[in-house]
C-alpha cells in the first residue's frame, strides 16, 4: 500500500477509543429516553454558551434582542426537561 493511503495506527486507536466512550455513555443511562434527554440538555447548554459568547461581543441592538430571546427560550426548554 502506498504511503498516505489507508489509516494510521493513531486514527485506528482514536476510533477504538471513541467507540469505548460511546458504549460507556450509553450504558450509564437507564433507558434510551434518558440518554436522549441528556443529549438534548447538552445541546441546549452548548447553544447557551454560544449565545453568551455572542452577547459578550456587544452586538448591535437588534441582534442583541434576538440573542436574548433565544437565550430565554433555551433556558425555558432546559428547565422544562
N, C-alpha and C. Protein backbone atom coordinates (compact mmCIF):
# COMPACT_ATOMS: atom_id res chain seq x y z
N UNK A 1 0.85 -1.17 0.00
CA UNK A 1 0.00 0.00 0.00
C UNK A 1 0.89 1.24 0.00
N UNK A 2 0.56 2.21 -0.79
CA UNK A 2 1.37 3.42 -0.90
C UNK A 2 1.18 4.28 0.34
N UNK A 3 2.22 5.07 0.62
CA UNK A 3 2.13 5.99 1.75
C UNK A 3 0.99 6.97 1.54
N UNK A 4 0.30 7.29 2.64
CA UNK A 4 -0.80 8.24 2.54
C UNK A 4 -2.15 7.58 2.33
N UNK A 5 -2.12 6.31 1.99
CA UNK A 5 -3.37 5.59 1.79
C UNK A 5 -3.63 4.74 3.02
N UNK A 6 -4.85 4.51 3.31
CA UNK A 6 -5.17 3.71 4.48
C UNK A 6 -5.22 4.57 5.72
N UNK A 7 -5.27 3.92 6.85
CA UNK A 7 -5.42 4.65 8.10
C UNK A 7 -4.21 4.38 8.98
N UNK A 8 -3.81 5.40 9.69
CA UNK A 8 -2.67 5.25 10.58
C UNK A 8 -3.11 4.56 11.87
N UNK A 9 -2.16 4.07 12.60
CA UNK A 9 -2.44 3.44 13.90
C UNK A 9 -3.11 4.44 14.84
N UNK A 10 -2.69 5.69 14.79
CA UNK A 10 -3.30 6.71 15.65
C UNK A 10 -4.79 6.87 15.33
N UNK A 11 -5.12 6.89 14.03
CA UNK A 11 -6.52 7.01 13.64
C UNK A 11 -7.33 5.81 14.12
N UNK A 12 -6.76 4.63 13.96
CA UNK A 12 -7.47 3.42 14.39
C UNK A 12 -7.67 3.40 15.90
N UNK A 13 -6.64 3.81 16.64
CA UNK A 13 -6.76 3.84 18.10
C UNK A 13 -7.78 4.90 18.53
N UNK A 14 -7.80 6.03 17.86
CA UNK A 14 -8.79 7.08 18.18
C UNK A 14 -10.20 6.57 17.92
N UNK A 15 -10.39 5.81 16.85
CA UNK A 15 -11.70 5.23 16.57
C UNK A 15 -12.12 4.24 17.66
N UNK A 16 -11.18 3.41 18.09
CA UNK A 16 -11.48 2.44 19.15
C UNK A 16 -11.84 3.16 20.45
N UNK A 17 -11.10 4.20 20.78
CA UNK A 17 -11.37 4.96 22.00
C UNK A 17 -12.75 5.62 21.92
N UNK A 18 -13.08 6.18 20.77
CA UNK A 18 -14.40 6.81 20.60
C UNK A 18 -15.51 5.78 20.76
N UNK A 19 -15.32 4.59 20.23
CA UNK A 19 -16.32 3.53 20.37
C UNK A 19 -16.49 3.15 21.84
N UNK A 20 -15.38 3.06 22.58
CA UNK A 20 -15.47 2.75 24.02
C UNK A 20 -16.23 3.84 24.76
N UNK A 21 -15.94 5.10 24.43
CA UNK A 21 -16.64 6.20 25.08
C UNK A 21 -18.13 6.18 24.76
N UNK A 22 -18.46 5.90 23.50
CA UNK A 22 -19.87 5.83 23.11
C UNK A 22 -20.60 4.74 23.88
N UNK A 23 -19.97 3.58 24.00
CA UNK A 23 -20.60 2.48 24.73
C UNK A 23 -20.79 2.84 26.20
N UNK A 24 -19.78 3.46 26.81
CA UNK A 24 -19.91 3.80 28.23
C UNK A 24 -20.94 4.89 28.44
N UNK A 25 -21.05 5.81 27.51
CA UNK A 25 -22.04 6.88 27.62
C UNK A 25 -23.45 6.31 27.57
N UNK A 26 -23.68 5.37 26.69
CA UNK A 26 -25.00 4.77 26.56
C UNK A 26 -25.31 3.93 27.79
N UNK A 27 -24.33 3.21 28.30
CA UNK A 27 -24.58 2.29 29.40
C UNK A 27 -24.86 3.00 30.72
N UNK A 28 -24.48 4.26 30.89
CA UNK A 28 -24.71 4.91 32.16
C UNK A 28 -26.13 5.44 32.30
N UNK A 29 -26.93 5.36 31.24
CA UNK A 29 -28.32 5.77 31.31
C UNK A 29 -29.20 4.54 31.41
N UNK A 30 -30.28 4.67 32.16
CA UNK A 30 -31.15 3.52 32.38
C UNK A 30 -32.03 3.22 31.17
N UNK A 31 -32.20 4.22 30.30
CA UNK A 31 -33.06 3.98 29.13
C UNK A 31 -32.60 4.85 27.96
N UNK A 32 -32.99 4.48 26.76
CA UNK A 32 -32.68 5.32 25.60
C UNK A 32 -33.31 6.71 25.73
N UNK A 33 -34.47 6.78 26.37
CA UNK A 33 -35.14 8.07 26.56
C UNK A 33 -34.30 8.98 27.46
N UNK A 34 -33.72 8.41 28.51
CA UNK A 34 -32.87 9.19 29.40
C UNK A 34 -31.62 9.67 28.66
N UNK A 35 -31.06 8.82 27.82
CA UNK A 35 -29.89 9.21 27.03
C UNK A 35 -30.26 10.33 26.06
N UNK A 36 -31.45 10.25 25.45
CA UNK A 36 -31.89 11.29 24.52
C UNK A 36 -32.06 12.62 25.26
N UNK A 37 -32.66 12.58 26.46
CA UNK A 37 -32.85 13.82 27.23
C UNK A 37 -31.52 14.45 27.60
N UNK A 38 -30.56 13.61 27.99
CA UNK A 38 -29.24 14.13 28.35
C UNK A 38 -28.55 14.75 27.14
N UNK A 39 -28.66 14.11 25.98
CA UNK A 39 -28.07 14.66 24.76
C UNK A 39 -28.71 16.00 24.41
N UNK A 40 -30.04 16.10 24.57
CA UNK A 40 -30.72 17.35 24.29
C UNK A 40 -30.27 18.44 25.26
N UNK A 41 -30.12 18.08 26.52
CA UNK A 41 -29.66 19.06 27.52
C UNK A 41 -28.25 19.54 27.21
N UNK A 42 -27.37 18.65 26.81
CA UNK A 42 -26.01 19.06 26.42
C UNK A 42 -26.04 19.99 25.23
N UNK A 43 -26.91 19.69 24.26
CA UNK A 43 -27.04 20.53 23.08
C UNK A 43 -27.52 21.93 23.47
N UNK A 44 -28.50 21.99 24.35
CA UNK A 44 -29.01 23.29 24.81
C UNK A 44 -27.91 24.05 25.55
N UNK A 45 -27.16 23.37 26.39
CA UNK A 45 -26.08 24.03 27.12
C UNK A 45 -25.03 24.60 26.18
N UNK A 46 -24.71 23.85 25.13
CA UNK A 46 -23.74 24.36 24.14
C UNK A 46 -24.30 25.58 23.41
N UNK A 47 -25.58 25.54 23.07
CA UNK A 47 -26.20 26.68 22.40
C UNK A 47 -26.20 27.90 23.30
N UNK A 48 -26.50 27.69 24.58
CA UNK A 48 -26.47 28.80 25.53
C UNK A 48 -25.07 29.39 25.65
N UNK A 49 -24.07 28.55 25.65
CA UNK A 49 -22.69 29.03 25.73
C UNK A 49 -22.34 29.88 24.50
N UNK A 50 -22.78 29.44 23.32
CA UNK A 50 -22.52 30.22 22.10
C UNK A 50 -23.23 31.57 22.16
N UNK A 51 -24.46 31.57 22.67
CA UNK A 51 -25.20 32.83 22.78
C UNK A 51 -24.49 33.77 23.75
N UNK A 52 -24.02 33.25 24.87
CA UNK A 52 -23.29 34.09 25.83
C UNK A 52 -22.03 34.68 25.19
N UNK A 53 -21.34 33.89 24.37
CA UNK A 53 -20.15 34.41 23.68
C UNK A 53 -20.53 35.54 22.74
N UNK A 54 -21.62 35.36 22.01
CA UNK A 54 -22.07 36.40 21.09
C UNK A 54 -22.47 37.67 21.84
N UNK A 55 -23.17 37.50 22.95
CA UNK A 55 -23.59 38.66 23.74
C UNK A 55 -22.38 39.40 24.32
N UNK A 56 -21.33 38.68 24.64
CA UNK A 56 -20.12 39.30 25.19
C UNK A 56 -19.42 40.19 24.16
N UNK A 57 -19.71 39.97 22.88
CA UNK A 57 -19.09 40.77 21.81
C UNK A 57 -19.80 42.10 21.60
N UNK A 58 -20.86 42.37 22.40
CA UNK A 58 -21.63 43.60 22.31
C UNK A 58 -22.17 43.83 20.89
N UNK A 59 -23.09 42.93 20.47
CA UNK A 59 -23.65 43.04 19.12
C UNK A 59 -24.60 44.24 19.00
N UNK A 60 -24.96 44.60 17.78
CA UNK A 60 -25.94 45.68 17.57
C UNK A 60 -27.26 45.32 18.27
N UNK A 61 -28.03 46.34 18.61
CA UNK A 61 -29.25 46.15 19.40
C UNK A 61 -30.23 45.11 18.83
N UNK A 62 -30.54 45.12 17.53
CA UNK A 62 -31.48 44.09 17.03
C UNK A 62 -30.94 42.67 17.24
N UNK A 63 -29.66 42.49 17.00
CA UNK A 63 -29.04 41.17 17.20
C UNK A 63 -29.06 40.80 18.68
N UNK A 64 -28.76 41.77 19.55
CA UNK A 64 -28.76 41.52 20.99
C UNK A 64 -30.15 41.07 21.45
N UNK A 65 -31.19 41.74 20.98
CA UNK A 65 -32.56 41.36 21.37
C UNK A 65 -32.88 39.93 20.92
N UNK A 66 -32.49 39.61 19.69
CA UNK A 66 -32.74 38.26 19.18
C UNK A 66 -32.00 37.21 20.01
N UNK A 67 -30.76 37.50 20.37
CA UNK A 67 -29.98 36.57 21.18
C UNK A 67 -30.59 36.41 22.57
N UNK A 68 -31.05 37.50 23.14
CA UNK A 68 -31.66 37.43 24.47
C UNK A 68 -32.96 36.62 24.45
N UNK A 69 -33.74 36.78 23.40
CA UNK A 69 -34.97 36.00 23.25
C UNK A 69 -34.63 34.52 23.12
N UNK A 70 -33.65 34.21 22.27
CA UNK A 70 -33.23 32.82 22.08
C UNK A 70 -32.71 32.23 23.38
N UNK A 71 -31.95 33.03 24.13
CA UNK A 71 -31.42 32.56 25.41
C UNK A 71 -32.56 32.22 26.37
N UNK A 72 -33.55 33.07 26.43
CA UNK A 72 -34.70 32.81 27.30
C UNK A 72 -35.45 31.55 26.91
N UNK A 73 -35.65 31.36 25.61
CA UNK A 73 -36.36 30.16 25.14
C UNK A 73 -35.57 28.89 25.45
N UNK A 74 -34.26 28.96 25.26
CA UNK A 74 -33.42 27.79 25.54
C UNK A 74 -33.40 27.47 27.03
N UNK A 75 -33.32 28.50 27.86
CA UNK A 75 -33.34 28.26 29.31
C UNK A 75 -34.66 27.63 29.73
N UNK A 76 -35.76 28.08 29.14
CA UNK A 76 -37.07 27.51 29.47
C UNK A 76 -37.14 26.04 29.04
N UNK A 77 -36.62 25.73 27.87
CA UNK A 77 -36.60 24.33 27.40
C UNK A 77 -35.75 23.47 28.33
N UNK A 78 -34.58 24.00 28.71
CA UNK A 78 -33.69 23.25 29.59
C UNK A 78 -34.34 23.00 30.94
N UNK A 79 -34.99 24.02 31.49
CA UNK A 79 -35.61 23.88 32.80
C UNK A 79 -36.83 22.97 32.76
N UNK A 80 -37.49 22.89 31.61
CA UNK A 80 -38.67 22.04 31.48
C UNK A 80 -38.31 20.56 31.36
N UNK A 81 -37.08 20.30 30.93
CA UNK A 81 -36.72 18.89 30.73
C UNK A 81 -36.16 18.25 31.98
